[in-house]
Amino acid sequence: MPYLASLSAAYLHATFGVVCLYVIGILAAGYLFRRRSETASQFLHAGKMLPAGVTSLAFLAANCGALEIMGLAAASAKYGMLTLHFYWIGAIPAIIFLALFMMPVYAQSGAATLPEFLRLRYNDTLQMIVSVSLIVMMGFVSGISLYAIASLLQVFLGWNFFATILFTLAITSCYVSLGGLKGTIYSEVIQLAITVAGLVPLTYLILRRFHGLHGLVASVPDPMRHTWASLPAINPKTAPMDVLGVIAGLGFVLSFGYWCTDFLLIQRALAARDMRGSVNTPLIAGFAKLVFPLLVVVPGLAAFSVLSSDVRFDETMPRVMTHFYGPAMLGLGVSAILASLMSALAGNIMGIATIWTHDVYKPRIAAAKSESQYLRMGRLSIAAATVFSIASAYLALRYSTMMDYLMLIFSLFNAPLFATMLLGVFTRWTTPVAAIAGLVSGMLAALAMNLAVHFGLLHYGSQMNANFYGAIVAFFVCLIASSLMSLFTQAKPAAEIEHVTFNSRMLRSTQALRVSWLLATLLLATCILINISFW
């Protein structure tokens, strides 16, 4: 029976009232920015007009959707304190690298999207390959958000899967179509505030129940109590995670691949008014990443003690809310999770529309057309992206947790893309032909490895560890194939790629941003201290 069916009419009205106010608020935000998104550039790219404070919050919100709230709460219930690696080693080093070394290159290149950057560095063919792969990847990720929303509303309201999808997409597509990227970014800031407001009381109630964080950690089995002490050095076949997989797979390939190539994150940083704002955007968001586990991992750990073993991992967060929250807080809690999930869904749908319109439709199908036609195509592609999201939502049902599925997607797409980006930004000898060959080889290697795991030809201690090692394989296959192919093919002239490769001038320019380097140093030092304290 749906949880809300057991509540009194007054509490039901209060809960639905909060949810309705949230929906009305985000639709109003989209409408208010409609008049400020009259050109395709304003609609798709926000015109580089936002302050760093807003872009930092949007940067954080873009990462705090299904991945954060539902996915990592489920992973915490399954893996315990090991989930903290996704926040710390799986985020902070990559965020610092993105801010200090990648953002200056992105900003100087003048590219509005990641595929456009790859066209400037390599060629049109690679732009098209990456555009298609990113559209597919973001379609899968938006499906995860839809699946998470369906799980949430099924727990609370008893809605069936398809009805929930239609309801969610109707609202999300409406405000994304109205306000474009700027409306989406400001809506994400609102959604982030609601998310935090809805989860802070839950964390407080759980810690009070278990007499603090120490008591909560002591309530789970010993292998789930530590971040590093319980990890074997190398044991992919039987351990759920091992040191090599966490450091090389998650800490380097997957985290750097995600933070340095994720279109949604880079898009929000580039929406800042100047290069200083673009560099500081990830760093400011990084400090929030240090403390965000309190809102997500704590409920996941509590689930081990307060929920029955037959509850699906992906239902961890809503089930824990129903256990600790009284009806008066439930409306805010439901709105918090809805806000986080719709934030991720909206961001990916907007990203698909942007890449399709800017990197496929405009240069390949309808060059030199009017701004109104590109704007119309941007809005039409949002509708197409929602249909793709519906199909991909059903695939998420096959995996025990959303994080397992999400890391699988990243190992297939982000890992080889990061190798291609790394060679492109920090070398001038990598050739366009080699980049294409390496990227395709890396994706095929990751796919082959995943199929081998699926059919029992390879064995790992968990799907997560298989994802870590799959990412390592994809990255190095791409790196080696690109390097070898570059020996036999022609590189682009150095002068032609000067503005899209890292050089000493960019380093001096970045070093001049002393506040940025101070923020980066403080962020890294804090991350190291936290890892030691939770060893």
Protein backbone atom coordinates (compact mmCIF):
# COMPACT_ATOMS: atom_id res chain seq x y z
CA MET A 1 0.00 0.00 0.00
CA PRO A 2 1.34 3.50 -0.80
CA TYR A 3 2.69 5.24 2.28
CA LEU A 4 0.52 8.35 1.88
CA ALA A 5 -2.65 6.22 1.84
CA SER A 6 -2.19 5.68 5.59
CA LEU A 7 -2.11 9.39 6.42
CA SER A 8 -4.94 11.68 7.44
CA ALA A 9 -6.55 14.02 4.92
CA ALA A 10 -4.96 17.09 6.52
CA TYR A 11 -1.48 15.67 6.22
CA LEU A 12 -2.19 14.54 2.65
CA HIS A 13 -3.25 18.05 1.72
CA ALA A 14 -0.11 19.51 3.30
CA THR A 15 2.15 17.07 1.47
CA PHE A 16 0.54 17.64 -1.91
CA GLY A 17 0.55 21.38 -1.24
CA VAL A 18 4.34 21.48 -0.83
CA VAL A 19 4.86 19.37 -3.96
CA CYS A 20 2.49 21.58 -5.97
CA LEU A 21 4.23 24.76 -4.80
CA TYR A 22 7.54 23.29 -5.93
CA VAL A 23 6.16 22.41 -9.38
CA ILE A 24 4.60 25.86 -9.77
CA GLY A 25 7.88 27.50 -8.73
CA ILE A 26 10.05 25.80 -11.32
CA LEU A 27 7.48 26.38 -14.07
CA ALA A 28 7.40 30.07 -13.11
CA ALA A 29 11.22 30.21 -13.31
CA GLY A 30 11.11 28.82 -16.84
CA TYR A 31 8.44 31.32 -17.87
CA LEU A 32 10.32 34.32 -16.41
CA PHE A 33 13.41 33.49 -18.47
CA ARG A 34 11.49 32.83 -21.68
CA ARG A 35 11.72 36.49 -22.73
CA ARG A 36 15.47 36.45 -22.07
CA SER A 37 16.05 33.45 -24.36
CA GLU A 38 14.99 34.91 -27.68
CA THR A 39 18.00 33.75 -29.71
CA ALA A 40 19.43 30.27 -30.15
CA SER A 41 22.64 31.29 -28.35
CA GLN A 42 20.76 32.64 -25.33
CA PHE A 43 18.47 29.61 -25.25
CA LEU A 44 21.21 26.96 -25.62
CA HIS A 45 24.27 28.56 -23.98
CA ALA A 46 23.04 31.30 -21.57
CA GLY A 47 25.32 33.81 -23.30
CA LYS A 48 28.14 33.76 -20.69
CA MET A 49 26.22 36.21 -18.52
CA LEU A 50 25.93 34.51 -15.11
CA PRO A 51 27.84 35.31 -11.89
CA ALA A 52 30.22 32.67 -10.48
CA GLY A 53 28.03 32.15 -7.42
CA VAL A 54 25.08 31.09 -9.58
CA THR A 55 27.19 28.90 -11.90
CA SER A 56 28.83 27.21 -8.87
CA LEU A 57 25.44 26.31 -7.39
CA ALA A 58 24.23 25.11 -10.80
CA PHE A 59 27.47 23.11 -11.23
CA LEU A 60 26.77 21.40 -7.90
CA ALA A 61 23.07 20.92 -8.69
CA ALA A 62 23.90 19.31 -12.05
CA ASN A 63 25.80 16.66 -10.11
CA CYS A 64 23.20 16.28 -7.33
CA GLY A 65 20.44 14.54 -9.17
CA ALA A 66 19.65 10.84 -9.39
CA LEU A 67 23.38 10.13 -9.08
CA GLU A 68 23.64 11.80 -5.69
CA ILE A 69 20.37 11.43 -3.86
CA MET A 70 18.93 8.09 -4.90
CA GLY A 71 21.95 6.40 -6.47
CA LEU A 72 24.53 7.00 -3.77
CA ALA A 73 22.05 6.40 -0.96
CA ALA A 74 21.42 2.99 -2.56
CA ALA A 75 25.17 2.42 -2.96
CA SER A 76 25.68 3.32 0.73
CA ALA A 77 23.14 0.69 1.76
CA LYS A 78 24.99 -1.85 -0.42
CA TYR A 79 28.67 -0.89 0.05
CA GLY A 80 28.67 1.14 3.30
CA MET A 81 31.44 3.70 3.89
CA LEU A 82 33.13 2.67 0.65
CA THR A 83 30.59 4.94 -1.06
CA LEU A 84 32.50 7.94 0.29
CA HIS A 85 35.11 7.29 -2.41
CA PHE A 86 32.62 8.61 -4.97
CA TYR A 87 32.66 11.98 -3.17
CA TRP A 88 36.29 12.38 -2.25
CA ILE A 89 38.83 10.51 -4.38
CA GLY A 90 36.16 10.26 -7.07
CA ALA A 91 35.60 14.02 -7.23
CA ILE A 92 38.04 16.40 -5.55
CA PRO A 93 41.30 15.71 -7.48
CA ALA A 94 39.41 15.76 -10.78
CA ILE A 95 37.59 19.00 -9.88
CA ILE A 96 40.92 20.70 -9.14
CA PHE A 97 42.42 19.44 -12.40
CA LEU A 98 39.37 20.61 -14.33
CA ALA A 99 39.48 24.07 -12.80
CA LEU A 100 43.19 24.82 -13.11
CA PHE A 101 44.14 23.02 -16.32
CA MET A 102 41.07 22.25 -18.42
CA MET A 103 38.81 25.28 -17.93
CA PRO A 104 41.43 27.78 -19.22
CA VAL A 105 41.70 25.73 -22.43
CA TYR A 106 37.93 25.42 -22.79
CA ALA A 107 37.43 29.13 -22.15
CA GLN A 108 40.18 30.27 -24.55
CA SER A 109 39.03 27.95 -27.34
CA GLY A 110 35.75 29.82 -27.75
CA ALA A 111 33.92 26.52 -28.21
CA ALA A 112 30.34 26.49 -26.97
CA THR A 113 30.18 22.70 -26.58
CA LEU A 114 32.56 19.81 -25.99
CA PRO A 115 32.06 18.33 -29.52
CA GLU A 116 32.81 21.76 -31.00
CA PHE A 117 36.05 21.85 -29.00
CA LEU A 118 37.01 18.46 -30.44
CA ARG A 119 36.28 19.75 -33.95
CA LEU A 120 38.69 22.63 -33.37
CA ARG A 121 41.35 20.29 -31.98
CA TYR A 122 40.84 17.37 -34.37
CA ASN A 123 38.21 17.44 -37.16
CA ASP A 124 34.51 17.38 -38.11
CA THR A 125 34.29 13.59 -38.10
CA LEU A 126 35.32 13.31 -34.47
CA GLN A 127 32.86 16.06 -33.60
CA MET A 128 30.05 13.99 -35.10
CA ILE A 129 31.13 10.75 -33.38
CA VAL A 130 31.37 12.43 -29.99
CA SER A 131 28.08 14.29 -30.50
CA VAL A 132 26.22 11.05 -31.16
CA SER A 133 27.92 9.24 -28.26
CA LEU A 134 27.15 12.09 -25.83
CA ILE A 135 23.51 12.21 -26.94
CA VAL A 136 23.22 8.46 -26.33
CA MET A 137 24.99 8.68 -22.97
CA MET A 138 22.89 11.60 -21.72
CA GLY A 139 19.77 9.79 -22.90
CA PHE A 140 20.73 6.83 -20.71
CA VAL A 141 21.49 9.09 -17.75
CA SER A 142 18.17 10.93 -18.09
CA GLY A 143 16.53 7.50 -18.10
CA ILE A 144 18.14 6.81 -14.73
CA SER A 145 16.57 10.00 -13.37
CA LEU A 146 13.16 8.96 -14.69
CA TYR A 147 13.54 5.51 -13.17
CA ALA A 148 14.47 7.04 -9.82
CA ILE A 149 11.46 9.37 -9.87
CA ALA A 150 9.19 6.43 -10.70
CA SER A 151 10.61 4.45 -7.76
CA LEU A 152 10.02 7.42 -5.45
CA LEU A 153 6.42 8.10 -6.44
CA GLN A 154 5.58 4.41 -6.43
CA VAL A 155 6.68 4.20 -2.79
CA PHE A 156 4.76 7.30 -1.72
CA LEU A 157 1.75 7.41 -4.05
CA GLY A 158 1.50 3.98 -5.62
CA TRP A 159 1.71 5.40 -9.15
CA ASN A 160 2.67 2.98 -11.88
CA PHE A 161 5.92 3.38 -13.79
CA PHE A 162 4.52 4.74 -17.05
CA ALA A 163 2.15 7.27 -15.43
CA THR A 164 5.02 8.68 -13.36
CA ILE A 165 7.21 9.06 -16.45
CA LEU A 166 4.52 10.99 -18.33
CA PHE A 167 3.87 13.29 -15.35
CA THR A 168 7.56 14.02 -14.82
CA LEU A 169 8.40 14.61 -18.47
CA ALA A 170 5.42 16.91 -18.95
CA ILE A 171 6.65 19.23 -16.18
CA THR A 172 10.37 19.02 -16.99
CA SER A 173 9.98 19.50 -20.74
CA CYS A 174 7.69 22.47 -20.14
CA TYR A 175 10.07 24.57 -18.04
CA VAL A 176 13.16 23.55 -20.06
CA SER A 177 11.40 24.55 -23.30
CA LEU A 178 10.33 27.86 -21.79
CA GLY A 179 13.55 29.13 -20.27
CA GLY A 180 16.37 27.33 -22.07
CA LEU A 181 19.74 26.91 -20.37
CA LYS A 182 19.46 30.06 -18.25
CA GLY A 183 16.02 29.07 -16.98
CA THR A 184 17.31 25.54 -16.36
CA ILE A 185 20.31 26.84 -14.38
CA TYR A 186 18.24 29.10 -12.14
CA SER A 187 15.71 26.29 -11.66
CA GLU A 188 18.61 24.03 -10.64
CA VAL A 189 19.63 26.54 -7.97
CA ILE A 190 16.07 26.53 -6.60
CA GLN A 191 16.00 22.74 -6.72
CA LEU A 192 19.32 22.49 -4.89
CA ALA A 193 18.00 24.69 -2.07
CA ILE A 194 14.88 22.52 -1.76
CA THR A 195 17.02 19.37 -1.80
CA VAL A 196 19.23 20.55 1.05
CA ALA A 197 16.23 21.79 3.07
CA GLY A 198 14.51 18.42 2.70
CA LEU A 199 17.54 16.28 3.60
CA VAL A 200 19.15 18.20 6.48
CA PRO A 201 16.38 17.30 8.99
CA LEU A 202 16.63 13.64 7.94
CA THR A 203 20.36 13.57 8.66
CA TYR A 204 19.75 15.21 12.05
CA LEU A 205 17.06 12.68 13.03
CA ILE A 206 19.22 9.72 12.01
CA LEU A 207 22.30 10.94 13.90
CA ARG A 208 20.16 11.63 16.97
CA ARG A 209 18.67 8.14 16.78
CA PHE A 210 22.12 6.48 16.56
CA HIS A 211 23.80 8.91 19.01
CA GLY A 212 26.09 10.45 16.44
CA LEU A 213 28.05 9.38 13.40
CA HIS A 214 30.21 6.96 15.41
CA GLY A 215 27.15 5.07 16.61
CA LEU A 216 25.72 4.92 13.10
CA VAL A 217 28.94 3.52 11.64
CA ALA A 218 29.15 0.96 14.47
CA SER A 219 25.67 -0.34 13.54
CA VAL A 220 26.80 -1.76 10.17
CA PRO A 221 29.03 -4.82 9.57
CA ASP A 222 32.78 -4.29 9.91
CA PRO A 223 33.62 -4.41 6.15
CA MET A 224 31.19 -1.51 5.63
CA ARG A 225 32.70 0.72 8.37
CA HIS A 226 35.87 1.89 6.65
CA THR A 227 36.88 3.69 3.48
CA TRP A 228 40.38 2.23 3.02
CA ALA A 229 41.20 -0.22 5.83
CA SER A 230 38.86 -2.94 4.54
CA LEU A 231 40.03 -2.75 0.91
CA PRO A 232 42.41 -5.42 -0.46
CA ALA A 233 45.19 -4.11 -2.68
CA ILE A 234 44.26 -6.10 -5.79
CA ASN A 235 41.37 -8.56 -5.67
CA PRO A 236 38.93 -7.89 -8.51
CA LYS A 237 37.44 -11.39 -8.63
CA THR A 238 35.94 -11.59 -5.13
CA ALA A 239 36.12 -8.16 -3.44
CA PRO A 240 33.31 -5.63 -4.04
CA MET A 241 36.07 -3.02 -4.46
CA ASP A 242 39.86 -3.02 -4.22
CA VAL A 243 42.55 -0.34 -3.96
CA LEU A 244 43.65 -0.59 -7.59
CA GLY A 245 40.09 -0.33 -8.86
CA VAL A 246 39.25 2.60 -6.59
CA ILE A 247 42.42 4.61 -7.30
CA ALA A 248 42.98 3.87 -11.00
CA GLY A 249 39.44 3.09 -12.10
CA LEU A 250 37.33 5.47 -9.99
CA GLY A 251 39.86 8.03 -8.74
CA PHE A 252 41.56 8.60 -12.08
CA VAL A 253 39.77 7.31 -15.20
CA LEU A 254 36.10 7.58 -14.21
CA SER A 255 36.32 10.68 -12.03
CA PHE A 256 38.61 12.68 -14.34
CA GLY A 257 36.61 11.41 -17.31
CA TYR A 258 33.35 12.55 -15.73
CA TRP A 259 34.38 15.93 -14.32
CA CYS A 260 36.62 16.95 -17.24
CA THR A 261 34.38 15.88 -20.11
CA ASP A 262 30.83 16.01 -18.74
CA PHE A 263 29.02 18.40 -21.02
CA LEU A 264 26.52 19.61 -18.39
CA LEU A 265 29.22 20.60 -15.88
CA ILE A 266 31.45 22.34 -18.41
CA GLN A 267 28.44 24.12 -19.89
CA ARG A 268 27.58 25.62 -16.50
CA ALA A 269 31.15 26.71 -15.78
CA LEU A 270 31.42 28.34 -19.21
CA ALA A 271 28.19 30.27 -18.52
CA ALA A 272 30.18 32.42 -16.04
CA ARG A 273 30.91 36.01 -17.06
CA ASP A 274 34.69 35.64 -17.35
CA MET A 275 37.54 33.13 -17.15
CA ARG A 276 38.06 33.75 -13.43
CA GLY A 277 34.43 32.77 -12.83
CA SER A 278 34.77 29.67 -15.02
CA VAL A 279 37.88 28.53 -13.11
CA ASN A 280 36.39 29.21 -9.67
CA THR A 281 33.04 27.55 -10.42
CA PRO A 282 34.26 23.93 -9.94
CA LEU A 283 36.42 24.85 -6.94
CA ILE A 284 33.58 26.52 -5.04
CA ALA A 285 31.34 23.55 -5.78
CA GLY A 286 34.12 21.20 -4.61
CA PHE A 287 33.86 22.41 -1.00
CA ALA A 288 30.19 21.49 -0.98
CA LYS A 289 31.12 18.01 -2.28
CA LEU A 290 33.18 17.46 0.87
CA VAL A 291 30.16 17.74 3.17
CA PHE A 292 27.35 16.53 0.93
CA PRO A 293 27.85 12.87 2.02
CA LEU A 294 26.20 13.75 5.33
CA LEU A 295 22.94 14.20 3.43
CA VAL A 296 23.19 11.04 1.34
CA VAL A 297 25.52 8.43 2.85
CA VAL A 298 24.08 8.79 6.36
CA PRO A 299 20.56 7.72 5.26
CA GLY A 300 22.10 4.85 3.29
CA LEU A 301 23.96 3.55 6.34
CA ALA A 302 20.83 3.89 8.48
CA ALA A 303 18.90 1.77 5.99
CA PHE A 304 20.94 -1.28 6.99
CA SER A 305 19.46 -1.16 10.51
CA VAL A 306 15.95 0.20 10.02
CA LEU A 307 14.78 -1.41 6.77
CA SER A 308 14.02 -5.01 5.94
CA SER A 309 16.39 -6.92 3.69
CA ASP A 310 13.82 -7.37 0.92
CA VAL A 311 13.68 -3.63 0.09
CA ARG A 312 15.28 -2.78 -3.25
CA PHE A 313 18.48 -0.76 -2.84
CA ASP A 314 17.15 1.96 -5.15
CA GLU A 315 14.23 2.55 -2.76
CA THR A 316 16.59 3.28 0.14
CA MET A 317 16.10 7.04 0.36
CA PRO A 318 12.28 7.17 0.18
CA ARG A 319 11.96 4.19 2.55
CA VAL A 320 14.27 5.80 5.12
CA MET A 321 12.26 9.02 4.85
CA THR A 322 9.03 7.18 5.60
CA HIS A 323 10.71 5.65 8.66
CA PHE A 324 12.14 8.82 10.19
CA TYR A 325 9.87 11.60 8.93
CA GLY A 326 6.47 12.36 10.35
CA PRO A 327 3.75 13.41 7.94
CA ALA A 328 4.43 17.10 8.53
CA MET A 329 7.94 16.76 7.07
CA LEU A 330 7.08 14.28 4.37
CA GLY A 331 5.95 16.84 1.79
CA LEU A 332 9.26 18.66 2.03
CA GLY A 333 11.14 15.36 1.86
CA VAL A 334 9.29 14.22 -1.25
CA SER A 335 9.87 17.62 -2.85
CA ALA A 336 13.59 17.41 -2.01
CA ILE A 337 14.05 14.14 -3.86
CA LEU A 338 11.84 15.24 -6.74
CA ALA A 339 13.90 18.43 -7.00
CA SER A 340 17.19 16.58 -7.22
CA LEU A 341 15.92 14.08 -9.75
CA MET A 342 14.19 16.64 -11.97
CA SER A 343 17.36 18.73 -11.87
CA ALA A 344 19.38 15.90 -13.41
CA LEU A 345 16.62 15.05 -15.87
CA ALA A 346 16.25 18.66 -17.04
CA GLY A 347 20.00 19.13 -17.37
CA ASN A 348 20.44 16.06 -19.55
CA ILE A 349 17.43 16.85 -21.74
CA MET A 350 18.76 20.39 -22.24
CA GLY A 351 22.20 18.96 -22.99
CA ILE A 352 20.84 16.63 -25.65
CA ALA A 353 18.96 19.51 -27.28
CA THR A 354 22.06 21.71 -27.26
CA ILE A 355 24.40 19.13 -28.79
CA TRP A 356 21.88 18.08 -31.43
CA THR A 357 21.11 21.66 -32.48
CA HIS A 358 24.60 23.14 -32.20
CA ASP A 359 26.81 20.23 -33.26
CA VAL A 360 24.67 18.15 -35.60
CA TYR A 361 21.72 20.09 -37.03
CA LYS A 362 23.38 23.48 -37.53
CA PRO A 363 26.68 22.42 -39.19
CA ARG A 364 25.53 19.22 -40.94
CA ILE A 365 21.85 19.60 -41.84
CA ALA A 366 20.80 23.26 -41.94
CA ALA A 367 23.83 25.55 -42.16
CA ALA A 368 23.39 29.34 -42.41
CA LYS A 369 19.72 29.35 -41.40
CA SER A 370 17.93 31.96 -39.28
CA GLU A 371 18.23 32.15 -35.50
CA SER A 372 14.50 31.52 -35.19
CA GLN A 373 14.87 28.19 -37.01
CA TYR A 374 17.68 27.06 -34.70
CA LEU A 375 15.65 28.17 -31.68
CA ARG A 376 12.65 26.19 -32.96
CA MET A 377 14.82 23.12 -33.54
CA GLY A 378 16.23 23.45 -30.01
CA ARG A 379 12.73 23.28 -28.57
CA LEU A 380 11.66 20.43 -30.88
CA SER A 381 14.73 18.39 -29.96
CA ILE A 382 13.72 18.65 -26.30
CA ALA A 383 10.57 16.69 -27.20
CA ALA A 384 12.65 14.06 -29.00
CA ALA A 385 15.00 13.78 -26.02
CA THR A 386 12.07 13.04 -23.72
CA VAL A 387 11.01 10.09 -25.90
CA PHE A 388 14.56 8.70 -25.79
CA SER A 389 14.54 9.11 -22.01
CA ILE A 390 11.40 6.99 -21.68
CA ALA A 391 13.01 4.08 -23.53
CA SER A 392 16.24 4.27 -21.54
CA ALA A 393 14.36 4.42 -18.21
CA TYR A 394 13.26 0.81 -18.66
CA LEU A 395 16.89 -0.34 -19.03
CA ALA A 396 17.68 0.95 -15.52
CA LEU A 397 15.27 -1.63 -14.08
CA ARG A 398 17.76 -4.41 -14.89
CA TYR A 399 20.44 -3.32 -12.39
CA SER A 400 20.48 -3.74 -8.62
CA THR A 401 21.49 -0.11 -8.04
CA MET A 402 21.49 2.99 -10.20
CA MET A 403 25.15 3.63 -9.39
CA ASP A 404 26.17 0.26 -10.85
CA TYR A 405 24.33 1.14 -14.06
CA LEU A 406 25.64 4.72 -14.14
CA MET A 407 29.27 3.70 -13.70
CA LEU A 408 28.80 1.15 -16.48
CA ILE A 409 27.62 3.91 -18.83
CA PHE A 410 30.58 6.12 -17.86
CA SER A 411 33.05 3.27 -18.42
CA LEU A 412 31.69 2.80 -21.94
CA PHE A 413 31.64 6.47 -22.98
CA ASN A 414 33.57 8.76 -20.61
CA ALA A 415 36.69 6.65 -20.11
CA PRO A 416 37.84 6.59 -23.78
CA LEU A 417 36.61 10.15 -24.31
CA PHE A 418 38.83 11.33 -21.44
CA ALA A 419 41.87 9.65 -23.02
CA THR A 420 41.09 11.43 -26.30
CA MET A 421 40.69 14.77 -24.52
CA LEU A 422 43.86 14.29 -22.49
CA LEU A 423 45.95 13.63 -25.59
CA GLY A 424 44.28 16.47 -27.46
CA VAL A 425 44.81 19.10 -24.78
CA PHE A 426 48.32 18.19 -23.62
CA THR A 427 49.98 16.97 -26.83
CA ARG A 428 50.26 18.41 -30.32
CA TRP A 429 51.35 15.24 -32.05
CA THR A 430 48.06 13.33 -31.66
CA THR A 431 46.46 13.24 -35.09
CA PRO A 432 42.75 13.44 -36.02
CA VAL A 433 42.77 9.96 -37.56
CA ALA A 434 44.48 8.55 -34.47
CA ALA A 435 41.96 10.22 -32.15
CA ILE A 436 39.05 8.64 -34.02
CA ALA A 437 40.69 5.21 -34.07
CA GLY A 438 41.56 5.40 -30.38
CA LEU A 439 38.11 6.57 -29.28
CA VAL A 440 36.29 3.85 -31.22
CA SER A 441 38.78 1.20 -30.02
CA GLY A 442 38.32 2.23 -26.39
CA MET A 443 34.53 2.11 -26.61
CA LEU A 444 34.60 -1.30 -28.30
CA ALA A 445 37.04 -2.65 -25.69
CA ALA A 446 34.78 -1.50 -22.84
CA LEU A 447 31.72 -2.98 -24.56
CA ALA A 448 33.49 -6.30 -25.16
CA MET A 449 34.58 -6.48 -21.53
CA ASN A 450 31.07 -5.72 -20.27
CA LEU A 451 29.60 -8.42 -22.52
CA ALA A 452 32.20 -10.88 -21.22
CA VAL A 453 31.13 -10.08 -17.64
CA HIS A 454 27.45 -10.33 -18.58
CA PHE A 455 27.85 -13.79 -20.12
CA GLY A 456 30.07 -15.12 -17.32
CA LEU A 457 33.35 -15.19 -19.23
CA LEU A 458 34.92 -12.75 -16.75
CA HIS A 459 34.14 -12.66 -13.02
CA TYR A 460 34.32 -9.74 -10.56
CA GLY A 461 33.40 -9.34 -6.93
CA SER A 462 30.72 -6.80 -7.86
CA GLN A 463 29.31 -4.98 -10.85
CA MET A 464 30.96 -1.84 -9.50
CA ASN A 465 34.43 -3.35 -9.51
CA ALA A 466 33.79 -4.64 -13.04
CA ASN A 467 32.96 -1.06 -14.03
CA PHE A 468 36.19 0.26 -12.50
CA TYR A 469 38.35 -2.25 -14.35
CA GLY A 470 36.35 -1.79 -17.55
CA ALA A 471 37.09 1.93 -17.40
CA ILE A 472 40.81 1.24 -16.95
CA VAL A 473 40.83 -1.04 -20.00
CA ALA A 474 38.89 1.45 -22.15
CA PHE A 475 41.18 4.33 -21.18
CA PHE A 476 44.44 2.55 -21.91
CA VAL A 477 43.22 0.91 -25.13
CA CYS A 478 42.27 4.36 -26.41
CA LEU A 479 45.53 5.92 -25.19
CA ILE A 480 47.74 3.24 -26.75
CA ALA A 481 45.79 3.00 -30.02
CA SER A 482 45.83 6.79 -30.48
CA SER A 483 49.53 7.03 -29.71
CA LEU A 484 50.49 4.25 -32.11
CA MET A 485 48.27 5.52 -34.92
CA SER A 486 49.75 9.00 -34.54
CA LEU A 487 53.10 7.60 -35.63
CA PHE A 488 51.72 6.88 -39.11
CA THR A 489 49.27 9.74 -39.74
CA GLN A 490 49.50 13.50 -40.21
CA ALA A 491 49.06 15.87 -37.26
CA LYS A 492 47.46 19.30 -37.58
CA PRO A 493 49.84 22.29 -37.82
CA ALA A 494 50.90 23.58 -34.39
CA ALA A 495 49.72 27.11 -35.17
CA GLU A 496 46.24 25.84 -35.99
CA ILE A 497 45.74 24.19 -32.59
CA GLU A 498 47.60 26.72 -30.43
CA HIS A 499 44.39 28.00 -28.83
CA VAL A 500 43.00 24.54 -28.00
CA THR A 501 46.07 22.99 -26.36
CA PHE A 502 47.56 23.73 -22.96
CA ASN A 503 50.72 25.83 -23.07
CA SER A 504 53.00 27.83 -20.79
CA ARG A 505 51.09 31.03 -21.48
CA MET A 506 47.89 29.46 -20.16
CA LEU A 507 49.76 28.21 -17.10
CA ARG A 508 51.04 31.71 -16.32
CA SER A 509 47.55 33.10 -16.86
CA THR A 510 46.05 30.55 -14.49
CA GLN A 511 48.80 31.11 -11.90
CA ALA A 512 47.84 34.77 -11.88
CA LEU A 513 44.50 33.73 -10.41
CA ARG A 514 46.02 33.40 -6.95
CA VAL A 515 42.69 33.06 -5.21
CA SER A 516 41.93 30.06 -7.44
CA TRP A 517 45.20 28.32 -6.52
CA LEU A 518 44.58 29.06 -2.84
CA LEU A 519 41.11 27.54 -3.10
CA ALA A 520 42.51 24.49 -4.88
CA THR A 521 45.23 23.95 -2.25
CA LEU A 522 42.77 24.28 0.62
CA LEU A 523 40.31 21.94 -1.10
CA LEU A 524 42.94 19.23 -1.67
CA ALA A 525 44.35 19.48 1.86
CA THR A 526 40.88 19.19 3.38
CA CYS A 527 40.11 16.16 1.22
CA ILE A 528 43.31 14.41 2.36
CA LEU A 529 42.56 15.10 6.04
CA ILE A 530 39.01 13.77 5.72
CA ASN A 531 40.23 10.58 4.03
CA ILE A 532 42.71 10.01 6.86
CA SER A 533 40.06 10.58 9.53
CA PHE A 534 37.70 8.04 7.93
CA TRP A 535 40.43 5.54 7.03
